Amino acid sequence: MAERANLRRRPQRATIKDILRTAVDLEKKTMAFYMRLARCFQSQEELRKFWFTMARHEAGHLGALALVESVLENEPALAQNTKVWFDPSTVVRLRSLLSAYHREAAQGVSVERAFEMAIDLEASELEDVVVELLQVVKEQMLRDQAVKLLIHDLSDLSYMVEKFTHNEALLARADELVERRVDALTIFHTEKGQPLPS
């Protein structure tokens, strides 16, 4: 009950240790959802490969978070003292979407609906939390590799929406997500005094 009450708070500064476990759990659920979509479209090879690739990107995010966890285990003071912005409502919304979409996908969904669901999930800002968590990783090459993954999967999503649907509104949403992610990462790197990954 205490956890539920905490999730109703407004955006706040939270320790990395406090939110790492939640981020890992949500990434695992998102990866499982994309694997479900890969099964839904197993008879359409290009779509099956795309959804499998989306799941693989989530696995990459999990790897980045595992790296953060390893850093924190070796630097306990960092775990307690480093804070990031965190909006608990993101957790509530994403968990709700994932539960509903898992049930819906189990019954079978259209190509367009699958893309719509993916865009809803990717708009949750969970990846923004992952980028914030990556600030504890001092090796810039490793950090940049993880950040590049966050942009790449959305670019692929936008491309596939354009190729497999004629829904201009959906394509506009996908393109806006890519632009928003690039803008957010630009701001993040500027504030940290770091160049954007090429």
N, C-alpha and C. Protein backbone atom coordinates (compact mmCIF):
# COMPACT_ATOMS: atom_id res chain seq x y z
N MET A 1 0.83 -1.20 0.00
CA MET A 1 0.00 0.00 0.00
C MET A 1 0.87 1.26 0.00
N ALA A 2 1.99 1.17 0.71
CA ALA A 2 2.90 2.32 0.75
C ALA A 2 3.44 2.62 -0.64
N GLU A 3 3.73 1.53 -1.41
CA GLU A 3 4.25 1.73 -2.76
C GLU A 3 3.21 2.43 -3.62
N ARG A 4 1.94 2.02 -3.49
CA ARG A 4 0.89 2.64 -4.29
C ARG A 4 0.75 4.12 -3.96
N ALA A 5 0.84 4.44 -2.69
CA ALA A 5 0.75 5.84 -2.29
C ALA A 5 1.91 6.65 -2.87
N ASN A 6 3.12 6.05 -2.86
CA ASN A 6 4.28 6.75 -3.40
C ASN A 6 4.13 7.04 -4.88
N LEU A 7 3.47 6.14 -5.61
CA LEU A 7 3.34 6.29 -7.05
C LEU A 7 2.40 7.44 -7.41
N ARG A 8 1.67 7.98 -6.45
CA ARG A 8 0.76 9.08 -6.73
C ARG A 8 1.43 10.44 -6.58
N ARG A 9 2.67 10.44 -6.16
CA ARG A 9 3.37 11.70 -5.99
C ARG A 9 3.69 12.33 -7.33
N ARG A 10 3.95 13.63 -7.29
CA ARG A 10 4.33 14.35 -8.50
C ARG A 10 5.79 14.06 -8.84
N PRO A 11 6.23 14.48 -10.07
CA PRO A 11 7.64 14.28 -10.43
C PRO A 11 8.57 14.76 -9.31
N GLN A 12 9.61 13.97 -9.06
CA GLN A 12 10.46 14.24 -7.91
C GLN A 12 11.87 13.77 -8.19
N ARG A 13 12.81 14.20 -7.35
CA ARG A 13 14.16 13.67 -7.41
C ARG A 13 14.18 12.41 -6.56
N ALA A 14 14.65 11.33 -7.15
CA ALA A 14 14.72 10.06 -6.42
C ALA A 14 16.11 9.47 -6.59
N THR A 15 16.55 8.67 -5.60
CA THR A 15 17.86 8.05 -5.74
C THR A 15 17.77 6.98 -6.82
N ILE A 16 18.90 6.78 -7.47
CA ILE A 16 18.97 5.77 -8.52
C ILE A 16 18.59 4.40 -7.98
N LYS A 17 19.05 4.11 -6.79
CA LYS A 17 18.76 2.81 -6.18
C LYS A 17 17.26 2.60 -6.03
N ASP A 18 16.54 3.68 -5.72
CA ASP A 18 15.09 3.58 -5.50
C ASP A 18 14.33 3.18 -6.76
N ILE A 19 14.79 3.64 -7.93
CA ILE A 19 13.99 3.43 -9.13
C ILE A 19 14.57 2.39 -10.10
N LEU A 20 15.80 1.92 -9.83
CA LEU A 20 16.42 0.97 -10.75
C LEU A 20 15.60 -0.31 -10.89
N ARG A 21 15.16 -0.86 -9.78
CA ARG A 21 14.41 -2.12 -9.82
C ARG A 21 13.11 -1.97 -10.60
N THR A 22 12.44 -0.84 -10.42
CA THR A 22 11.20 -0.58 -11.15
C THR A 22 11.46 -0.49 -12.64
N ALA A 23 12.52 0.21 -13.02
CA ALA A 23 12.86 0.35 -14.44
C ALA A 23 13.17 -1.01 -15.07
N VAL A 24 13.90 -1.86 -14.35
CA VAL A 24 14.22 -3.20 -14.85
C VAL A 24 12.95 -4.01 -15.06
N ASP A 25 12.05 -3.96 -14.11
CA ASP A 25 10.80 -4.71 -14.20
C ASP A 25 9.98 -4.27 -15.43
N LEU A 26 9.89 -2.97 -15.65
CA LEU A 26 9.11 -2.46 -16.77
C LEU A 26 9.76 -2.79 -18.11
N GLU A 27 11.09 -2.74 -18.17
CA GLU A 27 11.77 -3.11 -19.41
C GLU A 27 11.54 -4.60 -19.73
N LYS A 28 11.57 -5.45 -18.71
CA LYS A 28 11.32 -6.88 -18.94
C LYS A 28 9.91 -7.11 -19.48
N LYS A 29 8.94 -6.41 -18.91
CA LYS A 29 7.56 -6.56 -19.37
C LYS A 29 7.38 -6.04 -20.80
N THR A 30 8.07 -4.95 -21.12
CA THR A 30 8.00 -4.40 -22.47
C THR A 30 8.64 -5.37 -23.47
N MET A 31 9.77 -5.96 -23.10
CA MET A 31 10.42 -6.95 -23.95
C MET A 31 9.50 -8.15 -24.20
N ALA A 32 8.83 -8.62 -23.15
CA ALA A 32 7.91 -9.74 -23.30
C ALA A 32 6.75 -9.39 -24.22
N PHE A 33 6.28 -8.16 -24.16
CA PHE A 33 5.19 -7.72 -25.03
C PHE A 33 5.62 -7.77 -26.50
N TYR A 34 6.82 -7.27 -26.79
CA TYR A 34 7.29 -7.30 -28.17
C TYR A 34 7.50 -8.73 -28.66
N MET A 35 7.91 -9.61 -27.77
CA MET A 35 8.02 -11.02 -28.16
C MET A 35 6.64 -11.60 -28.47
N ARG A 36 5.64 -11.18 -27.74
CA ARG A 36 4.28 -11.63 -28.03
C ARG A 36 3.85 -11.15 -29.41
N LEU A 37 4.19 -9.90 -29.75
CA LEU A 37 3.84 -9.40 -31.09
C LEU A 37 4.61 -10.16 -32.17
N ALA A 38 5.85 -10.54 -31.88
CA ALA A 38 6.60 -11.34 -32.85
C ALA A 38 5.89 -12.66 -33.13
N ARG A 39 5.30 -13.25 -32.09
CA ARG A 39 4.53 -14.48 -32.28
C ARG A 39 3.25 -14.22 -33.06
N CYS A 40 2.62 -13.07 -32.79
CA CYS A 40 1.38 -12.72 -33.50
C CYS A 40 1.59 -12.65 -35.00
N PHE A 41 2.78 -12.20 -35.41
CA PHE A 41 3.05 -11.99 -36.84
C PHE A 41 4.10 -12.96 -37.37
N GLN A 42 4.13 -14.16 -36.80
CA GLN A 42 5.16 -15.12 -37.20
C GLN A 42 5.02 -15.59 -38.64
N SER A 43 3.84 -15.42 -39.23
CA SER A 43 3.66 -15.81 -40.63
C SER A 43 4.09 -14.72 -41.60
N GLN A 44 4.40 -13.52 -41.08
CA GLN A 44 4.85 -12.40 -41.91
C GLN A 44 6.29 -12.08 -41.50
N GLU A 45 7.23 -12.61 -42.24
CA GLU A 45 8.63 -12.63 -41.80
C GLU A 45 9.20 -11.26 -41.47
N GLU A 46 8.92 -10.25 -42.29
CA GLU A 46 9.50 -8.93 -42.02
C GLU A 46 8.97 -8.35 -40.73
N LEU A 47 7.67 -8.53 -40.50
CA LEU A 47 7.07 -8.03 -39.25
C LEU A 47 7.57 -8.83 -38.05
N ARG A 48 7.67 -10.15 -38.21
CA ARG A 48 8.16 -10.98 -37.11
C ARG A 48 9.57 -10.54 -36.71
N LYS A 49 10.44 -10.31 -37.72
CA LYS A 49 11.80 -9.89 -37.43
C LYS A 49 11.83 -8.51 -36.77
N PHE A 50 10.93 -7.63 -37.23
CA PHE A 50 10.90 -6.29 -36.65
C PHE A 50 10.55 -6.34 -35.18
N TRP A 51 9.48 -7.09 -34.82
CA TRP A 51 9.07 -7.14 -33.41
C TRP A 51 10.11 -7.86 -32.56
N PHE A 52 10.78 -8.87 -33.16
CA PHE A 52 11.87 -9.52 -32.43
C PHE A 52 13.00 -8.53 -32.18
N THR A 53 13.30 -7.67 -33.17
CA THR A 53 14.33 -6.65 -33.01
C THR A 53 13.95 -5.65 -31.93
N MET A 54 12.65 -5.29 -31.86
CA MET A 54 12.20 -4.39 -30.80
C MET A 54 12.42 -5.03 -29.43
N ALA A 55 12.13 -6.34 -29.34
CA ALA A 55 12.38 -7.05 -28.08
C ALA A 55 13.87 -7.06 -27.75
N ARG A 56 14.68 -7.25 -28.78
CA ARG A 56 16.14 -7.27 -28.58
C ARG A 56 16.64 -5.91 -28.09
N HIS A 57 16.05 -4.83 -28.60
CA HIS A 57 16.42 -3.49 -28.12
C HIS A 57 16.10 -3.35 -26.63
N GLU A 58 14.95 -3.89 -26.22
CA GLU A 58 14.61 -3.84 -24.80
C GLU A 58 15.63 -4.63 -23.98
N ALA A 59 16.10 -5.74 -24.55
CA ALA A 59 17.15 -6.52 -23.88
C ALA A 59 18.42 -5.67 -23.74
N GLY A 60 18.68 -4.83 -24.75
CA GLY A 60 19.82 -3.93 -24.67
C GLY A 60 19.66 -2.91 -23.56
N HIS A 61 18.41 -2.42 -23.40
CA HIS A 61 18.14 -1.49 -22.30
C HIS A 61 18.38 -2.18 -20.96
N LEU A 62 17.96 -3.45 -20.86
CA LEU A 62 18.18 -4.21 -19.63
C LEU A 62 19.67 -4.38 -19.36
N GLY A 63 20.43 -4.59 -20.42
CA GLY A 63 21.87 -4.70 -20.26
C GLY A 63 22.47 -3.41 -19.73
N ALA A 64 21.96 -2.28 -20.24
CA ALA A 64 22.44 -0.98 -19.76
C ALA A 64 22.11 -0.80 -18.29
N LEU A 65 20.91 -1.22 -17.90
CA LEU A 65 20.51 -1.10 -16.49
C LEU A 65 21.32 -2.04 -15.61
N ALA A 66 21.66 -3.22 -16.14
CA ALA A 66 22.51 -4.15 -15.38
C ALA A 66 23.89 -3.52 -15.14
N LEU A 67 24.37 -2.77 -16.14
CA LEU A 67 25.64 -2.07 -15.99
C LEU A 67 25.54 -1.01 -14.89
N VAL A 68 24.43 -0.28 -14.88
CA VAL A 68 24.20 0.71 -13.83
C VAL A 68 24.20 0.02 -12.46
N GLU A 69 23.51 -1.11 -12.38
CA GLU A 69 23.43 -1.85 -11.11
C GLU A 69 24.82 -2.27 -10.64
N SER A 70 25.65 -2.71 -11.59
CA SER A 70 27.01 -3.14 -11.24
C SER A 70 27.83 -1.96 -10.72
N VAL A 71 27.68 -0.80 -11.36
CA VAL A 71 28.38 0.40 -10.90
C VAL A 71 27.97 0.73 -9.46
N LEU A 72 26.66 0.65 -9.19
CA LEU A 72 26.16 1.00 -7.87
C LEU A 72 26.64 0.02 -6.80
N GLU A 73 26.73 -1.26 -7.17
CA GLU A 73 27.20 -2.26 -6.21
C GLU A 73 28.65 -1.99 -5.79
N ASN A 74 29.42 -1.43 -6.72
CA ASN A 74 30.83 -1.15 -6.44
C ASN A 74 31.05 0.23 -5.83
N GLU A 75 30.01 1.08 -5.92
CA GLU A 75 30.11 2.42 -5.34
C GLU A 75 28.83 2.71 -4.55
N PRO A 76 28.68 2.14 -3.37
CA PRO A 76 27.45 2.29 -2.57
C PRO A 76 27.07 3.74 -2.28
N ALA A 77 28.06 4.60 -2.09
CA ALA A 77 27.75 6.00 -1.80
C ALA A 77 27.07 6.66 -2.99
N LEU A 78 27.47 6.26 -4.20
CA LEU A 78 26.87 6.79 -5.41
C LEU A 78 25.39 6.42 -5.48
N ALA A 79 25.07 5.21 -5.07
CA ALA A 79 23.68 4.74 -5.09
C ALA A 79 22.79 5.59 -4.21
N GLN A 80 23.31 6.05 -3.09
CA GLN A 80 22.51 6.82 -2.15
C GLN A 80 22.48 8.31 -2.47
N ASN A 81 23.55 8.80 -3.07
CA ASN A 81 23.69 10.25 -3.23
C ASN A 81 23.28 10.79 -4.60
N THR A 82 23.31 9.95 -5.63
CA THR A 82 22.96 10.41 -6.96
C THR A 82 21.45 10.37 -7.15
N LYS A 83 20.88 11.50 -7.54
CA LYS A 83 19.43 11.56 -7.73
C LYS A 83 19.10 11.91 -9.18
N VAL A 84 17.95 11.40 -9.64
CA VAL A 84 17.46 11.69 -11.00
C VAL A 84 16.00 12.09 -10.91
N TRP A 85 15.53 12.78 -11.95
CA TRP A 85 14.10 13.12 -12.00
C TRP A 85 13.30 11.87 -12.31
N PHE A 86 12.21 11.70 -11.61
CA PHE A 86 11.38 10.50 -11.78
C PHE A 86 9.93 10.85 -11.54
N ASP A 87 9.08 10.48 -12.49
CA ASP A 87 7.64 10.73 -12.37
C ASP A 87 6.94 9.41 -12.09
N PRO A 88 6.48 9.18 -10.87
CA PRO A 88 5.83 7.90 -10.52
C PRO A 88 4.61 7.60 -11.39
N SER A 89 3.96 8.63 -11.94
CA SER A 89 2.79 8.37 -12.78
C SER A 89 3.18 7.63 -14.05
N THR A 90 4.45 7.75 -14.47
CA THR A 90 4.93 6.99 -15.63
C THR A 90 4.82 5.50 -15.36
N VAL A 91 5.16 5.09 -14.14
CA VAL A 91 5.09 3.68 -13.76
C VAL A 91 3.66 3.18 -13.79
N VAL A 92 2.76 3.96 -13.20
CA VAL A 92 1.35 3.57 -13.14
C VAL A 92 0.79 3.40 -14.55
N ARG A 93 1.04 4.39 -15.40
CA ARG A 93 0.50 4.37 -16.76
C ARG A 93 1.07 3.21 -17.57
N LEU A 94 2.39 3.01 -17.49
CA LEU A 94 3.01 1.97 -18.30
C LEU A 94 2.61 0.58 -17.84
N ARG A 95 2.54 0.37 -16.54
CA ARG A 95 2.10 -0.95 -16.05
C ARG A 95 0.68 -1.26 -16.50
N SER A 96 -0.18 -0.24 -16.45
CA SER A 96 -1.57 -0.41 -16.88
C SER A 96 -1.63 -0.74 -18.38
N LEU A 97 -0.88 0.01 -19.19
CA LEU A 97 -0.87 -0.25 -20.63
C LEU A 97 -0.34 -1.65 -20.94
N LEU A 98 0.75 -2.02 -20.30
CA LEU A 98 1.35 -3.33 -20.58
C LEU A 98 0.39 -4.47 -20.24
N SER A 99 -0.29 -4.37 -19.12
CA SER A 99 -1.25 -5.41 -18.73
C SER A 99 -2.38 -5.52 -19.75
N ALA A 100 -2.94 -4.37 -20.13
CA ALA A 100 -4.05 -4.36 -21.08
C ALA A 100 -3.60 -4.83 -22.46
N TYR A 101 -2.43 -4.40 -22.89
CA TYR A 101 -1.96 -4.74 -24.23
C TYR A 101 -1.52 -6.20 -24.34
N HIS A 102 -0.98 -6.76 -23.28
CA HIS A 102 -0.66 -8.20 -23.27
C HIS A 102 -1.94 -9.01 -23.50
N ARG A 103 -3.00 -8.64 -22.80
CA ARG A 103 -4.27 -9.37 -22.96
C ARG A 103 -4.81 -9.20 -24.37
N GLU A 104 -4.76 -7.98 -24.89
CA GLU A 104 -5.29 -7.72 -26.23
C GLU A 104 -4.50 -8.47 -27.30
N ALA A 105 -3.18 -8.43 -27.20
CA ALA A 105 -2.35 -9.09 -28.20
C ALA A 105 -2.52 -10.60 -28.18
N ALA A 106 -2.85 -11.14 -27.01
CA ALA A 106 -3.06 -12.59 -26.90
C ALA A 106 -4.23 -13.05 -27.76
N GLN A 107 -5.15 -12.14 -28.06
CA GLN A 107 -6.31 -12.46 -28.89
C GLN A 107 -6.03 -12.21 -30.38
N GLY A 108 -4.88 -11.60 -30.67
CA GLY A 108 -4.54 -11.27 -32.05
C GLY A 108 -4.90 -9.83 -32.36
N VAL A 109 -4.00 -9.11 -33.01
CA VAL A 109 -4.23 -7.70 -33.34
C VAL A 109 -3.82 -7.45 -34.79
N SER A 110 -4.35 -6.37 -35.36
CA SER A 110 -3.98 -5.99 -36.71
C SER A 110 -2.59 -5.36 -36.71
N VAL A 111 -1.99 -5.25 -37.89
CA VAL A 111 -0.68 -4.61 -38.00
C VAL A 111 -0.74 -3.18 -37.48
N GLU A 112 -1.76 -2.45 -37.90
CA GLU A 112 -1.87 -1.06 -37.49
C GLU A 112 -2.05 -0.92 -35.99
N ARG A 113 -2.87 -1.80 -35.41
CA ARG A 113 -3.09 -1.74 -33.97
C ARG A 113 -1.80 -2.06 -33.21
N ALA A 114 -1.01 -3.00 -33.71
CA ALA A 114 0.25 -3.35 -33.06
C ALA A 114 1.18 -2.14 -33.03
N PHE A 115 1.26 -1.42 -34.14
CA PHE A 115 2.10 -0.22 -34.17
C PHE A 115 1.57 0.85 -33.21
N GLU A 116 0.25 0.99 -33.17
CA GLU A 116 -0.35 1.97 -32.27
C GLU A 116 -0.01 1.67 -30.81
N MET A 117 -0.08 0.39 -30.46
CA MET A 117 0.25 -0.01 -29.09
C MET A 117 1.72 0.27 -28.77
N ALA A 118 2.58 -0.04 -29.73
CA ALA A 118 4.01 0.19 -29.52
C ALA A 118 4.31 1.68 -29.32
N ILE A 119 3.67 2.52 -30.11
CA ILE A 119 3.89 3.96 -29.97
C ILE A 119 3.40 4.44 -28.61
N ASP A 120 2.27 3.92 -28.15
CA ASP A 120 1.78 4.27 -26.82
C ASP A 120 2.81 3.92 -25.74
N LEU A 121 3.39 2.73 -25.86
CA LEU A 121 4.37 2.29 -24.86
C LEU A 121 5.65 3.11 -24.93
N GLU A 122 6.11 3.37 -26.15
CA GLU A 122 7.35 4.12 -26.31
C GLU A 122 7.19 5.58 -25.87
N ALA A 123 5.95 6.07 -25.85
CA ALA A 123 5.70 7.45 -25.43
C ALA A 123 5.66 7.58 -23.90
N SER A 124 5.88 6.49 -23.19
CA SER A 124 5.75 6.49 -21.73
C SER A 124 6.88 7.23 -21.02
N GLU A 125 7.97 7.52 -21.74
CA GLU A 125 9.13 8.22 -21.18
C GLU A 125 9.99 7.33 -20.28
N LEU A 126 9.77 6.02 -20.31
CA LEU A 126 10.63 5.12 -19.53
C LEU A 126 12.08 5.23 -20.00
N GLU A 127 12.26 5.35 -21.33
CA GLU A 127 13.62 5.45 -21.84
C GLU A 127 14.33 6.70 -21.34
N ASP A 128 13.57 7.77 -21.09
CA ASP A 128 14.18 8.97 -20.53
C ASP A 128 14.75 8.68 -19.14
N VAL A 129 14.05 7.83 -18.40
CA VAL A 129 14.54 7.42 -17.07
C VAL A 129 15.82 6.61 -17.23
N VAL A 130 15.85 5.71 -18.24
CA VAL A 130 17.04 4.90 -18.48
C VAL A 130 18.25 5.79 -18.79
N VAL A 131 18.03 6.82 -19.63
CA VAL A 131 19.12 7.74 -19.96
C VAL A 131 19.63 8.43 -18.71
N GLU A 132 18.72 8.86 -17.84
CA GLU A 132 19.13 9.49 -16.58
C GLU A 132 19.95 8.53 -15.73
N LEU A 133 19.51 7.27 -15.68
CA LEU A 133 20.23 6.29 -14.88
C LEU A 133 21.65 6.06 -15.41
N LEU A 134 21.81 6.18 -16.73
CA LEU A 134 23.11 5.91 -17.34
C LEU A 134 24.16 6.96 -16.98
N GLN A 135 23.75 8.03 -16.33
CA GLN A 135 24.73 9.07 -15.97
C GLN A 135 25.80 8.55 -15.02
N VAL A 136 25.52 7.44 -14.31
CA VAL A 136 26.51 6.92 -13.37
C VAL A 136 27.60 6.11 -14.07
N VAL A 137 27.37 5.78 -15.35
CA VAL A 137 28.37 5.02 -16.09
C VAL A 137 29.42 5.99 -16.62
N LYS A 138 30.63 5.89 -16.11
CA LYS A 138 31.65 6.88 -16.44
C LYS A 138 32.28 6.65 -17.82
N GLU A 139 32.25 5.41 -18.32
CA GLU A 139 32.82 5.13 -19.63
C GLU A 139 31.88 5.64 -20.71
N GLN A 140 32.26 6.72 -21.37
CA GLN A 140 31.36 7.38 -22.33
C GLN A 140 30.99 6.48 -23.50
N MET A 141 31.92 5.63 -23.97
CA MET A 141 31.62 4.76 -25.10
C MET A 141 30.46 3.83 -24.78
N LEU A 142 30.48 3.23 -23.59
CA LEU A 142 29.41 2.33 -23.19
C LEU A 142 28.09 3.10 -23.04
N ARG A 143 28.18 4.28 -22.48
CA ARG A 143 26.99 5.10 -22.28
C ARG A 143 26.39 5.50 -23.64
N ASP A 144 27.25 5.90 -24.57
CA ASP A 144 26.78 6.33 -25.88
C ASP A 144 26.15 5.19 -26.66
N GLN A 145 26.70 3.98 -26.53
CA GLN A 145 26.12 2.82 -27.22
C GLN A 145 24.69 2.58 -26.75
N ALA A 146 24.48 2.69 -25.46
CA ALA A 146 23.14 2.47 -24.90
C ALA A 146 22.19 3.56 -25.36
N VAL A 147 22.67 4.81 -25.38
CA VAL A 147 21.83 5.92 -25.80
C VAL A 147 21.42 5.80 -27.26
N LYS A 148 22.36 5.37 -28.11
CA LYS A 148 22.06 5.22 -29.54
C LYS A 148 20.96 4.20 -29.78
N LEU A 149 20.91 3.17 -28.96
CA LEU A 149 19.84 2.17 -29.08
C LEU A 149 18.47 2.81 -28.90
N LEU A 150 18.37 3.77 -28.01
CA LEU A 150 17.09 4.39 -27.70
C LEU A 150 16.53 5.15 -28.89
N ILE A 151 17.41 5.75 -29.68
CA ILE A 151 16.96 6.47 -30.87
C ILE A 151 16.69 5.49 -32.01
N HIS A 152 17.53 4.48 -32.14
CA HIS A 152 17.45 3.56 -33.27
C HIS A 152 16.13 2.81 -33.33
N ASP A 153 15.65 2.31 -32.20
CA ASP A 153 14.43 1.51 -32.26
C ASP A 153 13.22 2.35 -32.66
N LEU A 154 13.21 3.64 -32.26
CA LEU A 154 12.09 4.50 -32.65
C LEU A 154 12.16 4.85 -34.13
N SER A 155 13.36 5.01 -34.68
CA SER A 155 13.50 5.27 -36.11
C SER A 155 13.00 4.08 -36.91
N ASP A 156 13.32 2.88 -36.45
CA ASP A 156 12.82 1.67 -37.11
C ASP A 156 11.30 1.59 -37.04
N LEU A 157 10.75 1.95 -35.90
CA LEU A 157 9.30 1.92 -35.73
C LEU A 157 8.62 2.88 -36.71
N SER A 158 9.17 4.07 -36.84
CA SER A 158 8.61 5.06 -37.77
C SER A 158 8.65 4.53 -39.20
N TYR A 159 9.77 3.92 -39.58
CA TYR A 159 9.92 3.37 -40.93
C TYR A 159 8.87 2.28 -41.21
N MET A 160 8.67 1.41 -40.25
CA MET A 160 7.73 0.29 -40.44
C MET A 160 6.29 0.78 -40.49
N VAL A 161 5.96 1.79 -39.69
CA VAL A 161 4.61 2.37 -39.75
C VAL A 161 4.35 2.91 -41.16
N GLU A 162 5.34 3.60 -41.70
CA GLU A 162 5.19 4.17 -43.04
C GLU A 162 5.05 3.07 -44.09
N LYS A 163 5.79 1.99 -43.93
CA LYS A 163 5.79 0.92 -44.93
C LYS A 163 4.54 0.06 -44.89
N PHE A 164 4.01 -0.21 -43.69
CA PHE A 164 2.94 -1.19 -43.57
C PHE A 164 1.56 -0.59 -43.32
N THR A 165 1.46 0.72 -43.14
CA THR A 165 0.14 1.32 -42.95
C THR A 165 0.01 2.56 -43.84
N HIS A 166 -1.20 3.03 -43.98
CA HIS A 166 -1.47 4.28 -44.69
C HIS A 166 -2.03 5.31 -43.72
N ASN A 167 -1.69 5.13 -42.45
CA ASN A 167 -2.22 5.98 -41.39
C ASN A 167 -1.26 7.15 -41.15
N GLU A 168 -1.57 8.29 -41.73
CA GLU A 168 -0.69 9.46 -41.62
C GLU A 168 -0.60 9.97 -40.19
N ALA A 169 -1.70 9.87 -39.45
CA ALA A 169 -1.69 10.34 -38.06
C ALA A 169 -0.75 9.48 -37.21
N LEU A 170 -0.78 8.17 -37.46
CA LEU A 170 0.09 7.26 -36.72
C LEU A 170 1.55 7.51 -37.07
N LEU A 171 1.83 7.75 -38.35
CA LEU A 171 3.19 8.04 -38.77
C LEU A 171 3.68 9.35 -38.14
N ALA A 172 2.79 10.33 -38.07
CA ALA A 172 3.15 11.61 -37.46
C ALA A 172 3.51 11.41 -35.99
N ARG A 173 2.77 10.56 -35.29
CA ARG A 173 3.06 10.26 -33.88
C ARG A 173 4.42 9.60 -33.74
N ALA A 174 4.71 8.66 -34.64
CA ALA A 174 6.00 7.96 -34.59
C ALA A 174 7.15 8.92 -34.86
N ASP A 175 6.99 9.78 -35.87
CA ASP A 175 8.04 10.75 -36.19
C ASP A 175 8.25 11.74 -35.05
N GLU A 176 7.14 12.14 -34.42
CA GLU A 176 7.24 13.09 -33.30
C GLU A 176 8.00 12.46 -32.14
N LEU A 177 7.81 11.16 -31.93
CA LEU A 177 8.53 10.46 -30.87
C LEU A 177 10.03 10.47 -31.13
N VAL A 178 10.41 10.22 -32.39
CA VAL A 178 11.83 10.23 -32.74
C VAL A 178 12.42 11.61 -32.46
N GLU A 179 11.72 12.66 -32.91
CA GLU A 179 12.21 14.03 -32.72
C GLU A 179 12.29 14.37 -31.24
N ARG A 180 11.29 13.94 -30.48
CA ARG A 180 11.29 14.23 -29.04
C ARG A 180 12.46 13.54 -28.34
N ARG A 181 12.74 12.29 -28.74
CA ARG A 181 13.84 11.57 -28.12
C ARG A 181 15.17 12.22 -28.45
N VAL A 182 15.36 12.61 -29.71
CA VAL A 182 16.60 13.27 -30.10
C VAL A 182 16.76 14.59 -29.34
N ASP A 183 15.66 15.37 -29.24
CA ASP A 183 15.71 16.64 -28.51
C ASP A 183 16.05 16.42 -27.04
N ALA A 184 15.42 15.41 -26.44
CA ALA A 184 15.66 15.14 -25.02
C ALA A 184 17.10 14.74 -24.78
N LEU A 185 17.65 13.92 -25.69
CA LEU A 185 19.03 13.48 -25.53
C LEU A 185 20.01 14.64 -25.77
N THR A 186 19.65 15.52 -26.69
CA THR A 186 20.49 16.70 -26.94
C THR A 186 20.56 17.57 -25.69
N ILE A 187 19.40 17.79 -25.07
CA ILE A 187 19.36 18.59 -23.85
C ILE A 187 20.15 17.91 -22.74
N PHE A 188 19.97 16.59 -22.59
CA PHE A 188 20.66 15.84 -21.55
C PHE A 188 22.17 15.97 -21.70
N HIS A 189 22.67 15.75 -22.93
CA HIS A 189 24.11 15.81 -23.15
C HIS A 189 24.65 17.22 -23.01
N THR A 190 23.86 18.22 -23.42
CA THR A 190 24.29 19.60 -23.28
C THR A 190 24.44 19.96 -21.81
N GLU A 191 23.47 19.55 -20.99
CA GLU A 191 23.52 19.84 -19.56
C GLU A 191 24.71 19.16 -18.90
N LYS A 192 25.07 17.98 -19.42
CA LYS A 192 26.21 17.24 -18.84
C LYS A 192 27.53 17.65 -19.46
N GLY A 193 27.48 18.55 -20.48
CA GLY A 193 28.70 18.99 -21.13
C GLY A 193 29.32 17.90 -21.98
N GLN A 194 28.49 17.02 -22.56
CA GLN A 194 28.97 15.90 -23.34
C GLN A 194 28.49 16.03 -24.78
N PRO A 195 29.30 15.56 -25.76
CA PRO A 195 28.84 15.57 -27.14
C PRO A 195 27.80 14.47 -27.36
N LEU A 196 26.90 14.69 -28.32
CA LEU A 196 25.94 13.65 -28.66
C LEU A 196 26.66 12.48 -29.31
N PRO A 197 26.21 11.23 -29.07
CA PRO A 197 26.83 10.09 -29.75
C PRO A 197 26.56 10.17 -31.25
N SER A 198 27.57 9.89 -32.06
CA SER A 198 27.41 9.99 -33.52
C SER A 198 26.88 8.68 -34.10
